[in-house]
C-alpha cells in the first residue's frame, strides 16, 4: 500500500484544460510534490500544449520531469522538498 499518494486536480489554463491524477509517491512524497508543482508550469511552456496536442505535451513534459529529477539540481530540489515535508530516508 502506498501511503504517500495524492489526488491532484489542477487547472492548467483559462481555456478549461484541467489535469486530474493520482501521484502515487512511488519515489517518495517529495517526488509527488515536485511533479504536482512543476507539471502545470512545464505544460504551459510546452510547444505541443500550446498547439493543443495534449497527448504529445504530456509525454514531452513527463520526459522533462524525469530528466530534471535525475539531474543534480533536481536532487537538490527533492532534498529541499523532503525537509519541508519532514521526510527522512534511510542512508544509502
N, C-alpha and C. Protein backbone atom coordinates (compact mmCIF):
# COMPACT_ATOMS: atom_id res chain seq x y z
N UNK A 1 0.84 -1.18 0.00
CA UNK A 1 0.00 0.00 0.00
C UNK A 1 0.89 1.24 0.00
N UNK A 2 0.57 2.16 -0.84
CA UNK A 2 1.34 3.41 -0.96
C UNK A 2 0.74 4.45 -0.03
N UNK A 3 1.50 4.95 0.91
CA UNK A 3 0.95 5.90 1.88
C UNK A 3 1.19 7.35 1.50
N UNK A 4 1.89 7.59 0.40
CA UNK A 4 2.21 8.97 0.03
C UNK A 4 1.41 9.47 -1.16
N UNK A 5 0.47 8.71 -1.67
CA UNK A 5 -0.28 9.10 -2.86
C UNK A 5 -1.16 10.31 -2.60
N UNK A 6 -1.34 11.09 -3.63
CA UNK A 6 -2.19 12.26 -3.54
C UNK A 6 -3.01 12.37 -4.82
N UNK A 7 -4.24 12.78 -4.67
CA UNK A 7 -5.09 13.07 -5.81
C UNK A 7 -4.93 14.54 -6.14
N UNK A 8 -4.65 14.82 -7.39
CA UNK A 8 -4.45 16.20 -7.81
C UNK A 8 -5.47 16.57 -8.87
N UNK A 9 -5.95 17.79 -8.77
CA UNK A 9 -6.89 18.39 -9.71
C UNK A 9 -6.31 19.77 -9.97
N UNK A 10 -5.78 19.98 -11.16
CA UNK A 10 -5.06 21.21 -11.45
C UNK A 10 -5.64 21.85 -12.70
N UNK A 11 -6.04 23.11 -12.60
CA UNK A 11 -6.45 23.84 -13.78
C UNK A 11 -5.18 24.38 -14.42
N UNK A 12 -4.95 24.04 -15.67
CA UNK A 12 -3.71 24.42 -16.35
C UNK A 12 -3.83 25.77 -17.01
N UNK A 13 -4.97 26.05 -17.61
CA UNK A 13 -5.13 27.36 -18.27
C UNK A 13 -6.59 27.79 -18.25
N UNK A 14 -6.82 28.98 -18.75
CA UNK A 14 -8.17 29.54 -18.74
C UNK A 14 -9.08 28.94 -19.80
N UNK A 15 -8.52 28.13 -20.69
CA UNK A 15 -9.33 27.51 -21.74
C UNK A 15 -10.09 26.28 -21.25
N UNK A 16 -10.05 26.03 -19.98
CA UNK A 16 -10.77 24.88 -19.43
C UNK A 16 -9.99 23.59 -19.50
N UNK A 17 -8.67 23.68 -19.55
CA UNK A 17 -7.84 22.47 -19.55
C UNK A 17 -7.46 22.17 -18.10
N UNK A 18 -7.80 20.97 -17.68
CA UNK A 18 -7.53 20.52 -16.33
C UNK A 18 -6.75 19.21 -16.37
N UNK A 19 -6.03 18.96 -15.30
CA UNK A 19 -5.34 17.68 -15.14
C UNK A 19 -5.89 17.05 -13.87
N UNK A 20 -6.31 15.82 -13.98
CA UNK A 20 -6.74 15.05 -12.83
C UNK A 20 -5.80 13.87 -12.73
N UNK A 21 -5.30 13.60 -11.58
CA UNK A 21 -4.41 12.45 -11.50
C UNK A 21 -4.08 12.08 -10.07
N UNK A 22 -3.55 10.90 -9.95
CA UNK A 22 -3.04 10.42 -8.68
C UNK A 22 -1.53 10.31 -8.83
N UNK A 23 -0.83 11.08 -8.03
CA UNK A 23 0.62 10.97 -7.98
C UNK A 23 0.90 10.06 -6.80
N UNK A 24 1.31 8.85 -7.11
CA UNK A 24 1.36 7.81 -6.08
C UNK A 24 2.53 7.89 -5.13
N UNK A 25 3.45 8.81 -5.37
CA UNK A 25 4.57 8.93 -4.45
C UNK A 25 5.51 7.76 -4.53
N UNK A 26 5.51 7.06 -5.65
CA UNK A 26 6.36 5.87 -5.81
C UNK A 26 7.82 6.18 -5.46
N UNK A 27 8.27 7.38 -5.82
CA UNK A 27 9.63 7.80 -5.49
C UNK A 27 9.70 8.53 -4.16
N UNK A 28 8.61 8.56 -3.44
CA UNK A 28 8.54 9.28 -2.17
C UNK A 28 7.61 10.47 -2.31
N UNK A 29 7.15 11.00 -1.20
CA UNK A 29 6.22 12.12 -1.24
C UNK A 29 6.83 13.37 -1.86
N UNK A 30 8.16 13.49 -1.78
CA UNK A 30 8.81 14.66 -2.36
C UNK A 30 8.73 14.63 -3.89
N UNK A 31 8.75 13.44 -4.48
CA UNK A 31 8.62 13.33 -5.94
C UNK A 31 7.19 13.70 -6.36
N UNK A 32 6.21 13.21 -5.62
CA UNK A 32 4.81 13.56 -5.92
C UNK A 32 4.61 15.07 -5.84
N UNK A 33 5.18 15.70 -4.83
CA UNK A 33 5.05 17.15 -4.66
C UNK A 33 5.77 17.89 -5.79
N UNK A 34 6.96 17.41 -6.17
CA UNK A 34 7.73 18.02 -7.26
C UNK A 34 6.92 17.99 -8.56
N UNK A 35 6.34 16.85 -8.86
CA UNK A 35 5.55 16.71 -10.09
C UNK A 35 4.33 17.62 -10.03
N UNK A 36 3.63 17.63 -8.92
CA UNK A 36 2.44 18.48 -8.80
C UNK A 36 2.79 19.96 -8.95
N UNK A 37 3.93 20.35 -8.43
CA UNK A 37 4.35 21.75 -8.52
C UNK A 37 4.79 22.13 -9.93
N UNK A 38 5.47 21.22 -10.62
CA UNK A 38 6.11 21.55 -11.89
C UNK A 38 5.31 21.17 -13.14
N UNK A 39 4.45 20.20 -13.05
CA UNK A 39 3.71 19.75 -14.22
C UNK A 39 2.91 20.88 -14.89
N UNK A 40 2.11 21.65 -14.16
CA UNK A 40 1.34 22.70 -14.83
C UNK A 40 2.23 23.78 -15.46
N UNK A 41 3.31 24.12 -14.79
CA UNK A 41 4.23 25.15 -15.30
C UNK A 41 4.86 24.68 -16.61
N UNK A 42 5.37 23.46 -16.60
CA UNK A 42 6.03 22.93 -17.80
C UNK A 42 5.03 22.74 -18.95
N UNK A 43 3.82 22.33 -18.63
CA UNK A 43 2.82 22.18 -19.68
C UNK A 43 2.53 23.51 -20.36
N UNK A 44 2.35 24.55 -19.57
CA UNK A 44 2.05 25.86 -20.15
C UNK A 44 3.15 26.35 -21.08
N UNK A 45 4.38 25.93 -20.82
CA UNK A 45 5.53 26.34 -21.63
C UNK A 45 5.75 25.45 -22.85
N UNK A 46 5.13 24.28 -22.88
CA UNK A 46 5.40 23.28 -23.90
C UNK A 46 4.75 23.64 -25.25
N UNK A 47 5.52 23.50 -26.33
CA UNK A 47 5.01 23.86 -27.66
C UNK A 47 3.86 22.96 -28.09
N UNK A 48 3.89 21.67 -27.73
CA UNK A 48 2.78 20.78 -28.08
C UNK A 48 1.50 21.21 -27.36
N UNK A 49 1.65 21.60 -26.11
CA UNK A 49 0.49 22.06 -25.34
C UNK A 49 -0.10 23.31 -25.96
N UNK A 50 0.76 24.23 -26.35
CA UNK A 50 0.30 25.48 -26.95
C UNK A 50 -0.45 25.24 -28.26
N UNK A 51 -0.09 24.15 -28.96
CA UNK A 51 -0.80 23.82 -30.20
C UNK A 51 -1.95 22.85 -29.96
N UNK A 52 -2.28 22.63 -28.68
CA UNK A 52 -3.40 21.79 -28.24
C UNK A 52 -3.23 20.31 -28.58
N UNK A 53 -1.98 19.88 -28.72
CA UNK A 53 -1.68 18.46 -28.88
C UNK A 53 -1.34 17.93 -27.49
N UNK A 54 -2.38 17.70 -26.70
CA UNK A 54 -2.22 17.41 -25.29
C UNK A 54 -1.54 16.07 -25.02
N UNK A 55 -1.77 15.09 -25.85
CA UNK A 55 -1.13 13.79 -25.69
C UNK A 55 0.39 13.91 -25.79
N UNK A 56 0.85 14.58 -26.84
CA UNK A 56 2.30 14.76 -27.01
C UNK A 56 2.86 15.68 -25.94
N UNK A 57 2.08 16.65 -25.53
CA UNK A 57 2.53 17.56 -24.48
C UNK A 57 2.80 16.81 -23.18
N UNK A 58 1.88 15.93 -22.80
CA UNK A 58 2.09 15.16 -21.57
C UNK A 58 3.33 14.28 -21.67
N UNK A 59 3.50 13.61 -22.79
CA UNK A 59 4.70 12.77 -22.97
C UNK A 59 5.97 13.61 -22.88
N UNK A 60 5.95 14.74 -23.56
CA UNK A 60 7.11 15.63 -23.58
C UNK A 60 7.45 16.12 -22.17
N UNK A 61 6.45 16.57 -21.46
CA UNK A 61 6.66 17.14 -20.14
C UNK A 61 7.09 16.07 -19.13
N UNK A 62 6.51 14.89 -19.22
CA UNK A 62 6.94 13.85 -18.28
C UNK A 62 8.39 13.44 -18.53
N UNK A 63 8.82 13.46 -19.78
CA UNK A 63 10.24 13.20 -20.06
C UNK A 63 11.11 14.30 -19.46
N UNK A 64 10.67 15.54 -19.58
CA UNK A 64 11.43 16.66 -18.99
C UNK A 64 11.51 16.52 -17.48
N UNK A 65 10.43 16.11 -16.87
CA UNK A 65 10.42 15.93 -15.41
C UNK A 65 11.36 14.80 -15.02
N UNK A 66 11.32 13.69 -15.74
CA UNK A 66 12.24 12.58 -15.45
C UNK A 66 13.69 13.04 -15.55
N UNK A 67 14.01 13.76 -16.61
CA UNK A 67 15.37 14.27 -16.78
C UNK A 67 15.76 15.21 -15.64
N UNK A 68 14.84 16.08 -15.27
CA UNK A 68 15.11 17.03 -14.19
C UNK A 68 15.35 16.31 -12.86
N UNK A 69 14.55 15.28 -12.59
CA UNK A 69 14.70 14.55 -11.33
C UNK A 69 16.03 13.82 -11.25
N UNK A 70 16.58 13.44 -12.39
CA UNK A 70 17.86 12.73 -12.39
C UNK A 70 19.06 13.67 -12.38
N UNK A 71 18.82 14.96 -12.49
CA UNK A 71 19.92 15.93 -12.52
C UNK A 71 20.34 16.30 -11.09
N UNK A 72 21.50 16.92 -10.98
CA UNK A 72 21.98 17.38 -9.67
C UNK A 72 21.03 18.42 -9.09
N UNK A 73 20.56 19.33 -9.94
CA UNK A 73 19.63 20.36 -9.48
C UNK A 73 18.33 19.72 -8.99
N UNK A 74 17.83 18.73 -9.71
CA UNK A 74 16.62 18.04 -9.30
C UNK A 74 16.79 17.35 -7.96
N UNK A 75 17.94 16.73 -7.76
CA UNK A 75 18.22 16.06 -6.49
C UNK A 75 18.22 17.07 -5.34
N UNK A 76 18.79 18.23 -5.59
CA UNK A 76 18.80 19.29 -4.58
C UNK A 76 17.37 19.74 -4.26
N UNK A 77 16.57 19.90 -5.30
CA UNK A 77 15.18 20.32 -5.09
C UNK A 77 14.41 19.28 -4.28
N UNK A 78 14.64 18.00 -4.57
CA UNK A 78 13.97 16.94 -3.82
C UNK A 78 14.38 16.97 -2.35
N UNK A 79 15.64 17.25 -2.09
CA UNK A 79 16.10 17.34 -0.71
C UNK A 79 15.41 18.50 0.02
N UNK A 80 15.26 19.62 -0.67
CA UNK A 80 14.57 20.78 -0.07
C UNK A 80 13.12 20.43 0.23
N UNK A 81 12.46 19.79 -0.73
CA UNK A 81 11.06 19.39 -0.52
C UNK A 81 10.95 18.39 0.61
N UNK A 82 11.87 17.43 0.67
CA UNK A 82 11.87 16.43 1.75
C UNK A 82 11.94 17.10 3.11
N UNK A 83 12.84 18.07 3.23
CA UNK A 83 12.97 18.79 4.51
C UNK A 83 11.68 19.52 4.84
N UNK A 84 11.10 20.17 3.82
CA UNK A 84 9.85 20.92 4.03
C UNK A 84 8.73 19.99 4.49
N UNK A 85 8.71 18.77 3.92
CA UNK A 85 7.66 17.81 4.26
C UNK A 85 7.99 17.00 5.51
N UNK A 86 9.21 17.13 6.00
CA UNK A 86 9.63 16.36 7.17
C UNK A 86 9.87 14.89 6.86
N UNK A 87 10.29 14.61 5.62
CA UNK A 87 10.52 13.23 5.19
C UNK A 87 11.98 12.86 5.40
N UNK A 88 12.21 11.71 5.97
CA UNK A 88 13.58 11.20 6.09
C UNK A 88 13.66 9.87 5.39
N UNK A 89 14.81 9.62 4.81
CA UNK A 89 15.05 8.36 4.11
C UNK A 89 16.26 7.68 4.71
N UNK A 90 16.27 6.35 4.73
CA UNK A 90 17.45 5.63 5.24
C UNK A 90 18.68 5.99 4.39
N UNK A 91 19.83 6.00 5.00
CA UNK A 91 21.07 6.24 4.26
C UNK A 91 21.31 5.14 3.27
N UNK A 92 21.84 5.52 2.09
CA UNK A 92 22.14 4.54 1.05
C UNK A 92 23.49 3.92 1.29
